Every structure is written in C-alpha cells, then in structure tokens.
Protein backbone atom coordinates (compact mmCIF):
# COMPACT_ATOMS: atom_id res chain seq x y z
CA MET A 1 0.21 -0.02 -0.02
CA SER A 2 1.54 3.39 -1.13
CA LYS A 3 1.96 6.12 1.66
CA LYS A 4 -0.59 8.93 1.17
CA ILE A 5 1.38 12.71 0.60
CA LEU A 6 0.30 15.61 1.80
CA ILE A 7 1.23 18.90 0.16
CA ARG A 8 0.47 22.24 2.25
CA PRO A 9 1.90 25.70 2.58
CA LEU A 10 5.14 26.28 5.16
CA SER A 11 3.89 27.47 8.66
CA ALA A 12 6.17 28.14 11.31
CA GLU A 13 6.59 25.51 13.30
CA ASP A 14 7.92 23.54 10.20
CA CYS A 15 11.06 25.72 10.07
CA GLU A 16 13.16 23.97 12.52
CA ILE A 17 11.24 20.99 12.36
CA ILE A 18 12.72 21.23 8.17
CA ALA A 19 16.48 22.05 9.75
CA LYS A 20 16.28 19.31 11.87
CA ALA A 21 15.28 16.85 9.52
CA PHE A 22 18.00 18.24 6.73
CA ALA A 23 21.21 18.16 9.87
CA ALA A 24 20.07 14.43 10.51
CA GLN A 25 21.36 13.68 6.94
CA ALA A 26 24.69 16.05 6.93
CA TRP A 27 23.21 18.66 4.93
CA ASN A 28 23.69 22.77 6.13
CA LYS A 29 20.43 24.15 5.68
CA PRO A 30 19.38 26.65 8.73
CA SER A 31 16.07 27.47 10.35
CA ALA A 32 16.60 30.91 9.50
CA GLN A 33 16.47 29.79 5.96
CA TYR A 34 12.89 28.84 6.45
CA GLN A 35 12.22 31.48 8.73
CA ASN A 36 13.12 34.10 5.91
CA TYR A 37 11.18 31.64 3.57
CA LEU A 38 7.96 31.92 5.72
CA LYS A 39 8.62 35.91 5.75
CA GLU A 40 8.77 36.18 1.88
CA GLN A 41 5.98 33.69 1.56
CA ARG A 42 3.42 36.06 3.90
CA ALA A 43 4.78 39.14 1.75
CA GLY A 44 3.35 37.46 -1.34
CA LYS A 45 6.90 36.75 -2.67
CA ARG A 46 7.26 33.33 -2.57
CA GLU A 47 4.70 30.50 -1.78
CA VAL A 48 6.69 27.34 0.03
CA LEU A 49 4.87 23.62 -0.59
CA ILE A 50 5.63 21.32 1.92
CA ALA A 51 5.85 17.44 1.62
CA GLU A 52 4.16 15.34 4.85
CA THR A 53 3.78 11.57 4.47
CA GLU A 54 2.45 10.09 7.38
CA ASN A 55 2.41 13.26 9.06
CA GLU A 56 6.19 13.19 8.63
CA PHE A 57 8.45 16.18 6.80
CA ALA A 58 9.30 14.48 3.77
CA GLY A 59 10.53 17.59 1.60
CA TYR A 60 9.78 20.61 0.03
CA LEU A 61 9.73 23.38 -3.16
CA THR A 62 9.46 26.94 -3.42
CA ILE A 63 8.26 29.39 -6.06
CA LEU A 64 9.49 32.81 -6.68
CA TRP A 65 6.55 34.81 -8.13
CA GLN A 66 9.28 37.62 -9.38
CA SER A 67 12.72 35.26 -10.04
CA ASP A 68 16.00 36.92 -9.06
CA PHE A 69 17.33 35.23 -12.77
CA ALA A 70 16.54 38.17 -14.80
CA PRO A 71 15.49 36.37 -18.21
CA PHE A 72 12.71 34.95 -16.37
CA ARG A 73 12.08 38.15 -14.13
CA GLU A 74 11.72 40.03 -17.76
CA LYS A 75 9.67 37.66 -19.16
CA ALA A 76 7.10 37.68 -15.62
CA ILE A 77 8.27 33.76 -15.88
CA PRO A 78 8.04 32.55 -11.79
CA GLU A 79 10.68 30.08 -10.93
CA ILE A 80 9.95 26.73 -9.08
CA VAL A 81 13.25 26.96 -6.54
CA ASP A 82 15.13 24.67 -4.25
CA LEU A 83 13.32 21.38 -4.75
CA ASN A 84 14.81 19.10 -1.73
CA VAL A 85 13.21 15.71 -0.77
CA LEU A 86 15.20 13.96 2.17
CA ILE A 87 17.05 11.22 1.16
CA LYS A 88 15.09 8.28 2.62
CA PHE A 89 12.10 9.79 0.98
CA ARG A 90 13.48 9.71 -2.14
CA ASN A 91 12.12 7.63 -4.97
CA GLN A 92 8.53 7.56 -3.66
CA GLY A 93 6.96 10.03 -6.24
CA ILE A 94 7.29 13.23 -3.46
CA GLY A 95 8.83 15.49 -5.90
CA SER A 96 6.78 14.91 -8.86
CA ILE A 97 3.93 15.64 -6.62
CA LEU A 98 5.61 18.85 -5.72
CA MET A 99 6.33 19.68 -9.11
CA GLU A 100 2.57 18.96 -10.32
CA THR A 101 1.43 20.95 -7.27
CA ALA A 102 3.67 23.85 -7.95
CA GLU A 103 3.15 23.89 -11.62
CA ASN A 104 -0.90 23.99 -10.97
CA LEU A 105 -0.26 27.01 -8.67
CA ILE A 106 1.52 28.51 -11.61
CA ALA A 107 -0.48 27.94 -13.96
CA GLU A 108 -3.41 29.89 -12.42
CA ASN A 109 -1.96 32.77 -13.36
CA HIS A 110 1.15 32.47 -15.95
CA ARG A 111 1.57 30.63 -19.02
CA THR A 112 5.56 29.62 -18.51
CA ALA A 113 6.96 28.08 -15.32
CA GLY A 114 11.24 28.30 -14.90
CA ILE A 115 13.80 26.55 -13.25
CA ARG A 116 17.51 26.26 -12.74
CA VAL A 117 19.48 23.30 -12.13
CA GLY A 118 22.81 22.48 -11.44
CA LEU A 119 25.27 20.59 -13.75
CA THR A 120 26.77 18.14 -11.46
CA ALA A 121 26.21 14.61 -11.47
CA ASP A 122 24.66 15.84 -7.79
CA TYR A 123 21.72 17.38 -9.57
CA GLY A 124 21.34 13.92 -12.30
CA ALA A 125 17.92 12.89 -10.98
CA ALA A 126 16.19 16.03 -11.16
CA GLN A 127 17.76 17.09 -14.78
CA ARG A 128 16.13 13.73 -15.58
CA MET A 129 12.81 14.83 -13.66
CA TYR A 130 12.48 17.95 -15.23
CA VAL A 131 13.59 16.60 -18.61
CA ARG A 132 10.65 13.86 -17.86
CA ARG A 133 8.13 16.45 -17.24
CA GLY A 134 8.56 18.81 -20.58
CA TYR A 135 10.88 21.08 -18.94
CA ILE A 136 13.23 22.10 -22.36
CA PRO A 137 16.42 24.30 -21.81
CA ASP A 138 15.44 28.07 -22.68
CA GLY A 139 18.71 27.89 -25.40
CA ARG A 140 21.02 30.66 -23.83
CA GLY A 141 23.32 28.09 -22.47
CA ILE A 142 24.86 27.46 -18.93
CA SER A 143 24.99 30.35 -16.28
CA GLN A 144 26.78 30.92 -13.42
CA ASN A 145 25.55 33.28 -10.49
CA GLY A 146 23.40 34.55 -12.80
CA PHE A 147 25.77 35.51 -15.41
CA PHE A 148 25.97 33.26 -19.40
CA LEU A 149 28.88 31.70 -19.58
CA ARG A 150 30.82 31.68 -23.09
CA TYR A 151 33.48 29.68 -24.71
CA GLY A 152 37.10 30.01 -23.08
CA ASP A 153 35.55 31.30 -20.00
CA LYS A 154 37.73 29.93 -16.84
CA ILE A 155 34.73 28.77 -14.56
CA THR A 156 35.19 27.20 -11.21
CA VAL A 157 32.62 24.34 -10.90
CA THR A 158 29.68 25.12 -8.04
CA ASP A 159 26.19 24.38 -7.06
CA GLU A 160 25.77 27.64 -9.17
CA LEU A 161 26.60 26.35 -12.59
CA ASN A 162 23.11 25.89 -13.98
CA LEU A 163 21.23 25.41 -17.14
CA GLN A 164 17.64 27.02 -17.31
CA PHE A 165 14.53 25.60 -18.76
CA THR A 166 10.80 26.60 -18.98
CA LYS A 167 7.77 24.70 -19.56
CA ILE A 168 4.59 25.63 -20.82
CA LEU A 169 2.02 24.85 -18.65
CA ASN A 170 -1.77 23.88 -20.12
CA LYS A 171 -4.24 25.20 -17.48
CA SER A 172 -7.72 23.55 -17.14
C-alpha cells in the first residue's frame, strides 16, 4: 500500500523541523533559511510547499513569483526554486507531486514556469525529472551566479553552475 502524501504551505512550526531533518542527513539548511522563506511567503513573494507523508516532513519546494534570474524576471516567468526531498523519502513520487502542485499554482496566473538546475551529478535525478516533465532548455546555455558563460570562460564548478529550463503550462 502506498503512503499518502500531503502538500501544504509552510508554517512557522515547520522551520525548526525542516532544519533538524536536513541536519540529520548532514545537510546545512538552517532554520533561519525557512524563517526567511516564511516571511517571503507572507509577503506574497514566494510560495513554499511542504510535503508530508504519515505526518512526517518529507520535502519541500518553493516558487519565486518574481525570479531573481533576470531572463525569467524580464518575461514574468515564476521560478521553481530549491526542490529538496529527504534522502529516505526519495523515489516515492514526492518530488513529482511537489512539482505538479507548483505547476498547477503557477498555471493559475502564468503561462510558463522556469527552473534552473545544477550541472553536476548531484543534480542528475532532478535533471532527468525536469526533462521527463516537459521542461526544455531555454537555449541560452549555462550560467553561473546569474551570468551566462561563453566559450573560453574559466570557471570553478559549483552548485551555481546551472542550465535554465522552461515549460509551457496547460490551463485546465
């Protein structure tokens, strides 16, 4: 029998729970990050979706209604940012359910969703999921810290080395 997955908005009580859950798998995601997300959610700048299974925190995703990434911002494309599922809950469809919920929210007022993904193997599962969900590269190549790279650029490979994708959303 499959577990029921609940998707709901971030609440104040979640901030410490999330930080502790990620600390337990040795990821540095402090409570202050989620307190800031909550503040932005209350201000209407960000939507934070929390996934729970059997009353246990499993993961989250955020939507930036006005992206920090200039090409998305200039075209009023909301950006799906910071999708994270706890390791013990991976391969259970939680990331896909978070993405589906986010896309439905975005589609209420926007035609397109944007997303950026890291290029290292750490992001391999996310890269594959986005392509399977119909996201296509925006054709601008890779960027780092918001700047597009050109042939011959010398770079350091970090989590900020990204490829940008967009998806045209269908309204019901």
